[in-house]
């Protein structure tokens, strides 16, 4: 459900140990799904900055977290991801 995804996103944003970077909202109403071969999600680039990650020296490591609705996740498969990669590469991203 979109409400669950939104609640998850709100918790991430409020977490003082999360340094949020880029956000790609591929679920936005004004997003053109043709740009991602129909793939829809919210992708967050973030760092976890806690005493533990600082002690390991990984507090500046950027990771991507993809929030996806269950219905889209069930449709996602290797072939669909390959089409997206080919489209992205053709655009030079």
N, C-alpha and C. Protein backbone atom coordinates (compact mmCIF):
# COMPACT_ATOMS: atom_id res chain seq x y z
N UNK A 1 0.83 -1.19 0.00
CA UNK A 1 0.00 0.00 0.00
C UNK A 1 0.87 1.25 0.00
N UNK A 2 0.39 2.26 -0.67
CA UNK A 2 1.12 3.53 -0.74
C UNK A 2 1.27 4.14 0.65
N UNK A 3 0.24 3.98 1.49
CA UNK A 3 0.32 4.53 2.86
C UNK A 3 1.48 3.91 3.63
N UNK A 4 1.69 2.62 3.48
CA UNK A 4 2.79 1.94 4.17
C UNK A 4 4.14 2.44 3.66
N UNK A 5 4.25 2.58 2.34
CA UNK A 5 5.49 3.07 1.76
C UNK A 5 5.77 4.49 2.24
N UNK A 6 4.73 5.31 2.31
CA UNK A 6 4.87 6.69 2.78
C UNK A 6 5.31 6.72 4.25
N UNK A 7 4.72 5.88 5.07
CA UNK A 7 5.09 5.81 6.50
C UNK A 7 6.55 5.39 6.64
N UNK A 8 6.98 4.44 5.85
CA UNK A 8 8.38 3.99 5.88
C UNK A 8 9.31 5.14 5.50
N UNK A 9 8.97 5.84 4.45
CA UNK A 9 9.77 6.98 4.01
C UNK A 9 9.84 8.05 5.09
N UNK A 10 8.73 8.32 5.74
CA UNK A 10 8.72 9.33 6.80
C UNK A 10 9.63 8.93 7.96
N UNK A 11 9.64 7.67 8.31
CA UNK A 11 10.52 7.19 9.40
C UNK A 11 11.98 7.34 9.02
N UNK A 12 12.30 7.03 7.78
CA UNK A 12 13.69 7.17 7.31
C UNK A 12 14.12 8.63 7.37
N UNK A 13 13.26 9.52 6.90
CA UNK A 13 13.57 10.95 6.87
C UNK A 13 13.78 11.50 8.28
N UNK A 14 13.01 11.02 9.25
CA UNK A 14 13.12 11.51 10.63
C UNK A 14 14.27 10.89 11.42
N UNK A 15 14.87 9.84 10.91
CA UNK A 15 15.94 9.14 11.64
C UNK A 15 17.19 10.00 11.68
N UNK A 16 17.67 10.38 12.87
CA UNK A 16 18.84 11.26 12.96
C UNK A 16 20.14 10.59 12.49
N UNK A 17 20.14 9.27 12.38
CA UNK A 17 21.34 8.57 11.92
C UNK A 17 21.37 8.37 10.41
N UNK A 18 20.35 8.83 9.72
CA UNK A 18 20.29 8.70 8.27
C UNK A 18 20.56 10.05 7.62
N UNK A 19 21.59 10.08 6.78
CA UNK A 19 21.88 11.28 5.98
C UNK A 19 21.34 11.00 4.58
N UNK A 20 20.24 11.63 4.26
CA UNK A 20 19.56 11.38 2.99
C UNK A 20 20.20 12.21 1.88
N UNK A 21 20.47 11.55 0.78
CA UNK A 21 21.01 12.22 -0.41
C UNK A 21 19.92 12.37 -1.44
N UNK A 22 20.16 11.85 -2.61
CA UNK A 22 19.22 11.97 -3.72
C UNK A 22 18.00 11.08 -3.49
N UNK A 23 16.85 11.58 -3.93
CA UNK A 23 15.60 10.82 -3.89
C UNK A 23 15.02 10.82 -5.30
N UNK A 24 14.77 9.63 -5.84
CA UNK A 24 14.09 9.50 -7.13
C UNK A 24 12.70 8.93 -6.85
N UNK A 25 11.69 9.74 -7.07
CA UNK A 25 10.32 9.30 -6.82
C UNK A 25 9.67 8.90 -8.14
N UNK A 26 9.79 7.63 -8.46
CA UNK A 26 9.20 7.12 -9.69
C UNK A 26 7.73 6.73 -9.50
N UNK A 27 7.17 7.07 -8.34
CA UNK A 27 5.74 6.87 -8.10
C UNK A 27 4.96 8.18 -8.20
N UNK A 28 5.65 9.27 -8.39
CA UNK A 28 4.99 10.58 -8.47
C UNK A 28 4.03 10.62 -9.66
N UNK A 29 2.94 11.33 -9.49
CA UNK A 29 1.93 11.43 -10.56
C UNK A 29 2.52 12.02 -11.83
N UNK A 30 3.46 12.95 -11.70
CA UNK A 30 4.01 13.60 -12.88
C UNK A 30 5.22 12.87 -13.46
N UNK A 31 5.57 11.70 -12.91
CA UNK A 31 6.70 10.93 -13.42
C UNK A 31 6.26 10.16 -14.67
N UNK A 32 7.08 10.20 -15.72
CA UNK A 32 6.79 9.50 -16.96
C UNK A 32 7.38 8.10 -16.88
N UNK A 33 6.55 7.06 -16.72
CA UNK A 33 7.07 5.70 -16.56
C UNK A 33 7.82 5.19 -17.78
N UNK A 34 7.66 5.84 -18.92
CA UNK A 34 8.43 5.44 -20.11
C UNK A 34 9.92 5.67 -19.90
N UNK A 35 10.27 6.58 -18.99
CA UNK A 35 11.68 6.86 -18.71
C UNK A 35 12.39 5.69 -18.02
N UNK A 36 11.62 4.80 -17.41
CA UNK A 36 12.22 3.68 -16.69
C UNK A 36 11.62 2.34 -17.15
N UNK A 37 11.19 2.29 -18.39
CA UNK A 37 10.61 1.07 -18.97
C UNK A 37 9.44 0.55 -18.13
N UNK A 38 8.69 1.47 -17.51
CA UNK A 38 7.53 1.11 -16.70
C UNK A 38 7.84 0.82 -15.25
N UNK A 39 9.11 0.77 -14.89
CA UNK A 39 9.49 0.47 -13.51
C UNK A 39 9.11 1.62 -12.61
N UNK A 40 8.54 1.32 -11.43
CA UNK A 40 8.10 2.36 -10.50
C UNK A 40 8.59 2.03 -9.10
N UNK A 41 9.23 2.99 -8.44
CA UNK A 41 9.66 2.85 -7.06
C UNK A 41 10.05 4.21 -6.52
N UNK A 42 10.50 4.24 -5.28
CA UNK A 42 11.13 5.42 -4.71
C UNK A 42 12.54 4.96 -4.32
N UNK A 43 13.54 5.56 -4.94
CA UNK A 43 14.94 5.17 -4.68
C UNK A 43 15.61 6.27 -3.87
N UNK A 44 16.20 5.87 -2.75
CA UNK A 44 16.87 6.81 -1.85
C UNK A 44 18.36 6.51 -1.81
N UNK A 45 19.17 7.52 -1.99
CA UNK A 45 20.61 7.39 -1.72
C UNK A 45 20.82 7.93 -0.32
N UNK A 46 21.49 7.14 0.53
CA UNK A 46 21.64 7.56 1.91
C UNK A 46 22.91 7.00 2.53
N UNK A 47 23.29 7.62 3.63
CA UNK A 47 24.40 7.15 4.47
C UNK A 47 23.84 6.94 5.87
N UNK A 48 24.35 5.93 6.55
CA UNK A 48 24.00 5.69 7.95
C UNK A 48 25.15 6.22 8.79
N UNK A 49 24.88 7.24 9.58
CA UNK A 49 25.92 7.86 10.40
C UNK A 49 25.58 7.61 11.87
N UNK A 50 26.21 6.60 12.43
CA UNK A 50 26.01 6.24 13.82
C UNK A 50 27.39 6.02 14.44
N UNK A 51 27.47 5.96 15.76
CA UNK A 51 28.77 5.66 16.37
C UNK A 51 29.38 4.37 15.81
N UNK A 52 28.54 3.38 15.55
CA UNK A 52 29.04 2.11 15.03
C UNK A 52 29.61 2.26 13.62
N UNK A 53 28.87 2.94 12.72
CA UNK A 53 29.37 3.08 11.35
C UNK A 53 30.62 3.98 11.32
N UNK A 54 30.66 4.99 12.20
CA UNK A 54 31.85 5.83 12.30
C UNK A 54 33.04 4.99 12.74
N UNK A 55 32.85 4.11 13.74
CA UNK A 55 33.95 3.28 14.24
C UNK A 55 34.47 2.33 13.17
N UNK A 56 33.61 1.94 12.23
CA UNK A 56 34.03 1.06 11.14
C UNK A 56 34.57 1.83 9.94
N UNK A 57 34.42 3.15 9.97
CA UNK A 57 34.87 3.98 8.86
C UNK A 57 33.98 3.89 7.63
N UNK A 58 32.73 3.52 7.84
CA UNK A 58 31.81 3.38 6.69
C UNK A 58 30.66 4.39 6.74
N UNK A 59 30.79 5.39 7.57
CA UNK A 59 29.70 6.36 7.73
C UNK A 59 29.50 7.24 6.49
N UNK A 60 30.46 7.27 5.57
CA UNK A 60 30.32 8.06 4.34
C UNK A 60 29.96 7.18 3.15
N UNK A 61 29.78 5.89 3.39
CA UNK A 61 29.42 4.97 2.31
C UNK A 61 27.98 5.26 1.89
N UNK A 62 27.76 5.47 0.60
CA UNK A 62 26.43 5.77 0.08
C UNK A 62 25.81 4.47 -0.42
N UNK A 63 24.59 4.21 0.02
CA UNK A 63 23.86 3.04 -0.48
C UNK A 63 22.54 3.50 -1.08
N UNK A 64 21.93 2.63 -1.85
CA UNK A 64 20.63 2.93 -2.42
C UNK A 64 19.61 1.99 -1.80
N UNK A 65 18.53 2.57 -1.35
CA UNK A 65 17.40 1.81 -0.81
C UNK A 65 16.23 2.02 -1.75
N UNK A 66 15.66 0.93 -2.24
CA UNK A 66 14.51 1.01 -3.13
C UNK A 66 13.26 0.61 -2.38
N UNK A 67 12.32 1.53 -2.32
CA UNK A 67 11.01 1.26 -1.73
C UNK A 67 10.05 0.98 -2.88
N UNK A 68 9.46 -0.20 -2.86
CA UNK A 68 8.62 -0.61 -3.98
C UNK A 68 7.33 -1.22 -3.45
N UNK A 69 6.25 -0.96 -4.13
CA UNK A 69 4.97 -1.53 -3.74
C UNK A 69 4.95 -3.03 -4.04
N UNK A 70 4.26 -3.78 -3.22
CA UNK A 70 4.24 -5.23 -3.33
C UNK A 70 3.82 -5.69 -4.74
N UNK A 71 2.80 -5.06 -5.30
CA UNK A 71 2.34 -5.46 -6.64
C UNK A 71 3.43 -5.30 -7.69
N UNK A 72 4.20 -4.21 -7.60
CA UNK A 72 5.30 -4.01 -8.53
C UNK A 72 6.42 -5.02 -8.27
N UNK A 73 6.68 -5.31 -7.01
CA UNK A 73 7.74 -6.27 -6.67
C UNK A 73 7.41 -7.65 -7.21
N UNK A 74 6.14 -8.02 -7.17
CA UNK A 74 5.75 -9.33 -7.68
C UNK A 74 5.88 -9.41 -9.20
N UNK A 75 5.77 -8.29 -9.87
CA UNK A 75 5.93 -8.26 -11.33
C UNK A 75 7.39 -8.16 -11.76
N UNK A 76 8.22 -7.69 -10.85
CA UNK A 76 9.63 -7.48 -11.17
C UNK A 76 10.30 -8.83 -11.39
N UNK A 77 11.05 -8.92 -12.45
CA UNK A 77 11.78 -10.16 -12.74
C UNK A 77 13.09 -9.82 -13.44
N UNK A 78 13.91 -10.80 -13.67
CA UNK A 78 15.22 -10.56 -14.28
C UNK A 78 15.08 -9.96 -15.67
N UNK A 79 14.10 -10.41 -16.44
CA UNK A 79 13.91 -9.88 -17.80
C UNK A 79 13.51 -8.41 -17.76
N UNK A 80 12.61 -8.06 -16.85
CA UNK A 80 12.19 -6.66 -16.73
C UNK A 80 13.34 -5.77 -16.30
N UNK A 81 14.15 -6.24 -15.36
CA UNK A 81 15.30 -5.46 -14.93
C UNK A 81 16.30 -5.31 -16.07
N UNK A 82 16.50 -6.35 -16.86
CA UNK A 82 17.42 -6.27 -17.99
C UNK A 82 16.96 -5.22 -19.00
N UNK A 83 15.64 -5.15 -19.25
CA UNK A 83 15.12 -4.11 -20.15
C UNK A 83 15.42 -2.73 -19.61
N UNK A 84 15.25 -2.55 -18.29
CA UNK A 84 15.54 -1.25 -17.68
C UNK A 84 17.02 -0.90 -17.83
N UNK A 85 17.91 -1.86 -17.57
CA UNK A 85 19.35 -1.61 -17.69
C UNK A 85 19.71 -1.23 -19.13
N UNK A 86 19.13 -1.93 -20.11
CA UNK A 86 19.39 -1.61 -21.50
C UNK A 86 18.91 -0.20 -21.85
N UNK A 87 17.73 0.18 -21.36
CA UNK A 87 17.21 1.52 -21.60
C UNK A 87 18.10 2.57 -20.96
N UNK A 88 18.49 2.33 -19.70
CA UNK A 88 19.35 3.27 -18.98
C UNK A 88 20.69 3.43 -19.70
N UNK A 89 21.27 2.33 -20.12
CA UNK A 89 22.56 2.38 -20.82
C UNK A 89 22.45 3.09 -22.16
N UNK A 90 21.34 2.88 -22.85
CA UNK A 90 21.13 3.55 -24.14
C UNK A 90 21.03 5.06 -23.96
N UNK A 91 20.52 5.49 -22.81
CA UNK A 91 20.44 6.93 -22.52
C UNK A 91 21.74 7.47 -21.98
N UNK A 92 22.71 6.60 -21.70
CA UNK A 92 24.02 7.05 -21.20
C UNK A 92 24.03 7.37 -19.73
N UNK A 93 23.19 6.74 -18.94
CA UNK A 93 23.14 7.01 -17.51
C UNK A 93 24.07 6.09 -16.75
